[in-house]
């Protein structure tokens, strides 16, 4: 059966990644965590003291950065590897969150990551979440969703995630970080966070992850049925 691309964009801590992973599992699609890619780049830059204002250092670093996703049968999750090293837990820490939006504004970084993401999704049959998937990475995605949620709710969700990993951060600090990231992501010159004209908005403030997953799967199923009726998949089998 022909497959599609599902692009899920939106703000941090709206449930994008968790929802995208579950949707991919339900539909037997691949899952690509683009946010993890930028976090991995941030980790490499921090560890190797790469200057964010030095184009030569950035270009050299990007040539040495190789990001892959390996499936862990014990956890049932894809885990991020940076140059062969599993960095899944490290890139989720708060100090990475404090840098990732700044790193994501760098033109060289975005172009390198977008090229990798487009290569990963070329065969379709993927669910990809991030900030610019429906506008920049895959503007031709058959299904586009744009997630948002109340900032206070997002901060509380993020705090719970950090607590589960043994990291205690005051909710006020998390909220300030989210607001800063929202501003940077929405105003950067290269691929800013914005809702694609044909994206379907989804406010997750009062939704559980299960409800979000069901909502996206139903949207995808309806869209696939519409495309079949329109003859979209003819010649693509």
Protein backbone atom coordinates (compact mmCIF):
# COMPACT_ATOMS: atom_id res chain seq x y z
CA UNK A 1 0.00 0.00 0.00
CA UNK A 2 1.39 3.46 -0.87
CA UNK A 3 2.45 5.45 2.16
CA UNK A 4 2.39 9.12 3.04
CA UNK A 5 4.39 11.62 5.07
CA UNK A 6 2.86 12.94 8.28
CA UNK A 7 4.41 16.22 9.42
CA UNK A 8 3.77 17.30 13.01
CA UNK A 9 4.99 20.79 13.88
CA UNK A 10 4.41 23.00 16.88
CA UNK A 11 5.71 24.34 20.15
CA UNK A 12 7.88 22.50 22.69
CA UNK A 13 6.19 20.18 25.21
CA UNK A 14 2.89 19.97 23.36
CA UNK A 15 3.28 16.20 23.03
CA UNK A 16 4.66 16.24 19.48
CA UNK A 17 7.35 13.61 19.86
CA UNK A 18 5.37 11.24 22.06
CA UNK A 19 2.36 11.48 19.76
CA UNK A 20 4.47 11.12 16.61
CA UNK A 21 6.18 7.98 17.94
CA UNK A 22 2.86 6.37 18.83
CA UNK A 23 1.27 7.32 15.49
CA UNK A 24 4.24 5.82 13.64
CA UNK A 25 3.91 2.60 15.65
CA UNK A 26 0.15 2.40 15.00
CA UNK A 27 0.58 2.95 11.26
CA UNK A 28 3.79 0.89 11.01
CA UNK A 29 5.66 3.94 9.71
CA UNK A 30 9.17 5.12 10.45
CA UNK A 31 9.63 7.86 13.03
CA UNK A 32 12.16 10.69 12.77
CA UNK A 33 12.74 12.93 15.81
CA UNK A 34 14.13 16.10 14.23
CA UNK A 35 14.27 17.85 17.59
CA UNK A 36 16.67 15.17 18.81
CA UNK A 37 18.91 15.92 15.84
CA UNK A 38 19.25 19.57 16.83
CA UNK A 39 19.80 18.55 20.44
CA UNK A 40 22.58 16.20 19.35
CA UNK A 41 24.22 19.01 17.38
CA UNK A 42 23.94 21.24 20.47
CA UNK A 43 25.60 18.57 22.59
CA UNK A 44 28.47 18.24 20.13
CA UNK A 45 28.96 22.01 19.97
CA UNK A 46 29.03 22.31 23.76
CA UNK A 47 31.38 19.37 24.27
CA UNK A 48 33.76 20.58 21.56
CA UNK A 49 33.57 24.30 22.40
CA UNK A 50 32.30 25.28 18.96
CA UNK A 51 31.74 29.03 18.68
CA UNK A 52 28.20 29.85 17.53
CA UNK A 53 29.57 32.92 15.72
CA UNK A 54 32.41 31.23 13.85
CA UNK A 55 31.22 29.89 10.49
CA UNK A 56 34.41 27.94 9.86
CA UNK A 57 34.17 26.15 13.21
CA UNK A 58 30.49 25.38 12.62
CA UNK A 59 31.11 24.00 9.11
CA UNK A 60 34.00 21.85 10.34
CA UNK A 61 31.93 20.52 13.24
CA UNK A 62 28.97 19.65 11.01
CA UNK A 63 31.28 17.60 8.79
CA UNK A 64 32.16 15.53 11.87
CA UNK A 65 28.59 15.08 13.11
CA UNK A 66 26.80 11.87 12.16
CA UNK A 67 23.36 11.28 13.67
CA UNK A 68 21.49 7.99 13.53
CA UNK A 69 18.48 6.47 15.28
CA UNK A 70 18.82 2.95 16.63
CA UNK A 71 15.88 0.88 17.84
CA UNK A 72 16.24 -0.40 21.41
CA UNK A 73 14.23 -3.64 21.79
CA UNK A 74 14.31 -3.32 25.59
CA UNK A 75 12.63 0.08 25.65
CA UNK A 76 10.75 -0.25 22.37
CA UNK A 77 12.07 3.17 21.33
CA UNK A 78 14.35 4.68 18.75
CA UNK A 79 17.33 6.22 20.51
CA UNK A 80 19.56 9.00 19.23
CA UNK A 81 23.19 8.22 18.50
CA UNK A 82 25.83 10.87 17.91
CA UNK A 83 28.86 9.52 16.04
CA UNK A 84 27.94 6.02 17.19
CA UNK A 85 27.43 6.93 20.85
CA UNK A 86 23.97 6.69 22.44
CA UNK A 87 23.18 10.21 23.69
CA UNK A 88 19.42 9.83 24.14
CA UNK A 89 19.40 10.62 27.86
CA UNK A 90 22.02 13.37 27.74
CA UNK A 91 20.32 15.42 25.03
CA UNK A 92 17.07 15.56 27.03
CA UNK A 93 18.67 17.40 29.93
CA UNK A 94 17.81 20.99 30.77
CA UNK A 95 21.22 22.42 29.89
CA UNK A 96 20.72 21.22 26.31
CA UNK A 97 17.26 22.80 26.26
CA UNK A 98 18.90 26.11 27.16
CA UNK A 99 21.07 25.98 24.03
CA UNK A 100 19.09 24.12 21.38
CA UNK A 101 16.99 27.02 20.05
CA UNK A 102 20.12 29.17 19.65
CA UNK A 103 21.89 26.38 17.79
CA UNK A 104 18.78 25.84 15.65
CA UNK A 105 18.91 29.44 14.43
CA UNK A 106 22.28 28.88 12.76
CA UNK A 107 21.77 28.78 9.01
CA UNK A 108 24.50 26.19 8.44
CA UNK A 109 23.00 23.87 11.05
CA UNK A 110 19.46 24.09 9.72
CA UNK A 111 20.51 23.47 6.14
CA UNK A 112 22.60 20.45 7.13
CA UNK A 113 19.83 18.94 9.25
CA UNK A 114 17.09 19.62 6.68
CA UNK A 115 19.16 17.84 4.03
CA UNK A 116 19.54 14.82 6.32
CA UNK A 117 15.84 14.82 7.18
CA UNK A 118 14.76 15.00 3.54
CA UNK A 119 17.04 12.08 2.75
CA UNK A 120 15.55 10.04 5.63
CA UNK A 121 11.98 10.66 4.45
CA UNK A 122 12.51 10.28 0.73
CA UNK A 123 10.76 6.91 0.59
CA UNK A 124 7.78 8.27 2.54
CA UNK A 125 5.96 6.17 5.09
CA UNK A 126 7.33 8.35 7.91
CA UNK A 127 6.05 10.49 10.77
CA UNK A 128 8.33 13.45 11.40
CA UNK A 129 7.95 16.08 14.11
CA UNK A 130 9.70 19.40 14.57
CA UNK A 131 9.32 23.11 13.91
CA UNK A 132 9.52 23.38 10.11
CA UNK A 133 8.58 19.97 8.74
CA UNK A 134 5.42 21.07 6.95
CA UNK A 135 6.85 24.40 5.77
CA UNK A 136 10.47 23.61 4.88
CA UNK A 137 11.47 19.96 5.14
CA UNK A 138 8.40 18.38 3.51
CA UNK A 139 6.08 21.10 2.19
CA UNK A 140 4.44 18.36 0.08
CA UNK A 141 3.57 16.19 3.11
CA UNK A 142 0.10 14.71 2.67
CA UNK A 143 -0.83 15.31 6.32
CA UNK A 144 0.29 18.33 8.32
CA UNK A 145 -0.56 18.99 11.97
CA UNK A 146 0.36 22.07 14.01
CA UNK A 147 0.31 21.56 17.79
CA UNK A 148 -0.03 24.18 20.49
CA UNK A 149 -0.93 24.24 24.19
CA UNK A 150 -1.11 26.60 27.15
CA UNK A 151 2.41 27.57 28.28
CA UNK A 152 1.70 26.72 31.93
CA UNK A 153 0.49 23.26 30.96
CA UNK A 154 3.53 22.76 28.76
CA UNK A 155 5.88 23.74 31.60
CA UNK A 156 4.19 21.31 34.00
CA UNK A 157 4.46 18.49 31.46
CA UNK A 158 8.14 19.22 30.89
CA UNK A 159 8.80 19.28 34.63
CA UNK A 160 7.23 15.82 35.00
CA UNK A 161 9.43 14.50 32.19
CA UNK A 162 12.56 15.85 33.87
CA UNK A 163 11.52 14.50 37.28
CA UNK A 164 11.11 11.03 35.78
CA UNK A 165 14.76 11.27 34.73
CA UNK A 166 15.89 12.46 38.14
CA UNK A 167 16.32 16.13 37.25
CA UNK A 168 14.50 18.69 39.42
CA UNK A 169 13.93 22.07 37.77
CA UNK A 170 11.54 24.77 39.11
CA UNK A 171 8.48 25.12 36.90
CA UNK A 172 9.10 28.88 36.67
CA UNK A 173 12.51 28.24 35.09
CA UNK A 174 10.99 25.79 32.62
CA UNK A 175 8.25 28.22 31.67
CA UNK A 176 10.83 30.98 31.10
CA UNK A 177 12.87 28.59 28.95
CA UNK A 178 9.82 27.65 26.87
CA UNK A 179 8.87 31.29 26.31
CA UNK A 180 12.43 32.12 25.26
CA UNK A 181 12.52 29.16 22.87
CA UNK A 182 9.11 30.07 21.42
CA UNK A 183 10.38 33.58 20.66
CA UNK A 184 13.66 32.40 19.12
CA UNK A 185 11.98 29.64 17.10
CA UNK A 186 9.26 31.95 15.77
CA UNK A 187 11.51 34.86 14.81
CA UNK A 188 14.64 33.21 13.42
CA UNK A 189 15.48 34.07 9.82
CA UNK A 190 16.03 30.49 8.64
CA UNK A 191 12.96 28.19 8.70
CA UNK A 192 11.04 29.87 11.54
CA UNK A 193 8.37 28.03 13.49
CA UNK A 194 5.09 28.78 11.73
CA UNK A 195 1.90 26.98 10.84
CA UNK A 196 1.73 25.83 7.23
CA UNK A 197 -1.28 27.18 5.36
CA UNK A 198 -2.64 23.66 4.86
CA UNK A 199 -1.82 22.36 8.37
CA UNK A 200 -4.61 21.30 10.71
CA UNK A 201 -4.30 23.00 14.15
CA UNK A 202 -4.42 20.86 17.28
CA UNK A 203 -4.60 22.42 20.76
CA UNK A 204 -3.46 19.73 23.20
CA UNK A 205 -4.03 21.70 26.41
CA UNK A 206 -6.84 19.45 27.60
CA UNK A 207 -5.95 16.28 25.69
CA UNK A 208 -4.23 13.09 26.81
CA UNK A 209 -1.51 11.55 24.66
CA UNK A 210 -3.91 8.74 23.75
CA UNK A 211 -6.47 11.28 22.52
CA UNK A 212 -3.81 13.09 20.51
CA UNK A 213 -2.66 9.87 18.87
CA UNK A 214 -6.21 8.85 17.98
CA UNK A 215 -6.88 12.32 16.55
CA UNK A 216 -3.83 12.23 14.26
CA UNK A 217 -4.42 8.63 13.13
CA UNK A 218 -8.03 9.41 12.25
CA UNK A 219 -6.91 12.50 10.33
CA UNK A 220 -4.33 10.43 8.42
CA UNK A 221 -6.85 7.69 7.63
CA UNK A 222 -9.34 10.23 6.29
CA UNK A 223 -6.65 11.87 4.18
CA UNK A 224 -5.46 8.56 2.72
CA UNK A 225 -9.07 7.69 1.79
CA UNK A 226 -9.46 11.09 0.09
CA UNK A 227 -6.25 10.62 -1.86
CA UNK A 228 -7.38 7.19 -3.05
CA UNK A 229 -10.66 8.66 -4.30
CA UNK A 230 -8.74 11.39 -6.11
CA UNK A 231 -6.45 8.84 -7.80
CA UNK A 232 -3.40 10.31 -6.06
CA UNK A 233 -1.66 6.95 -5.64
CA UNK A 234 -2.08 5.77 -9.23
CA UNK A 235 1.34 4.94 -10.62
CA UNK A 236 2.95 5.24 -7.18
CA UNK A 237 2.54 1.63 -6.13
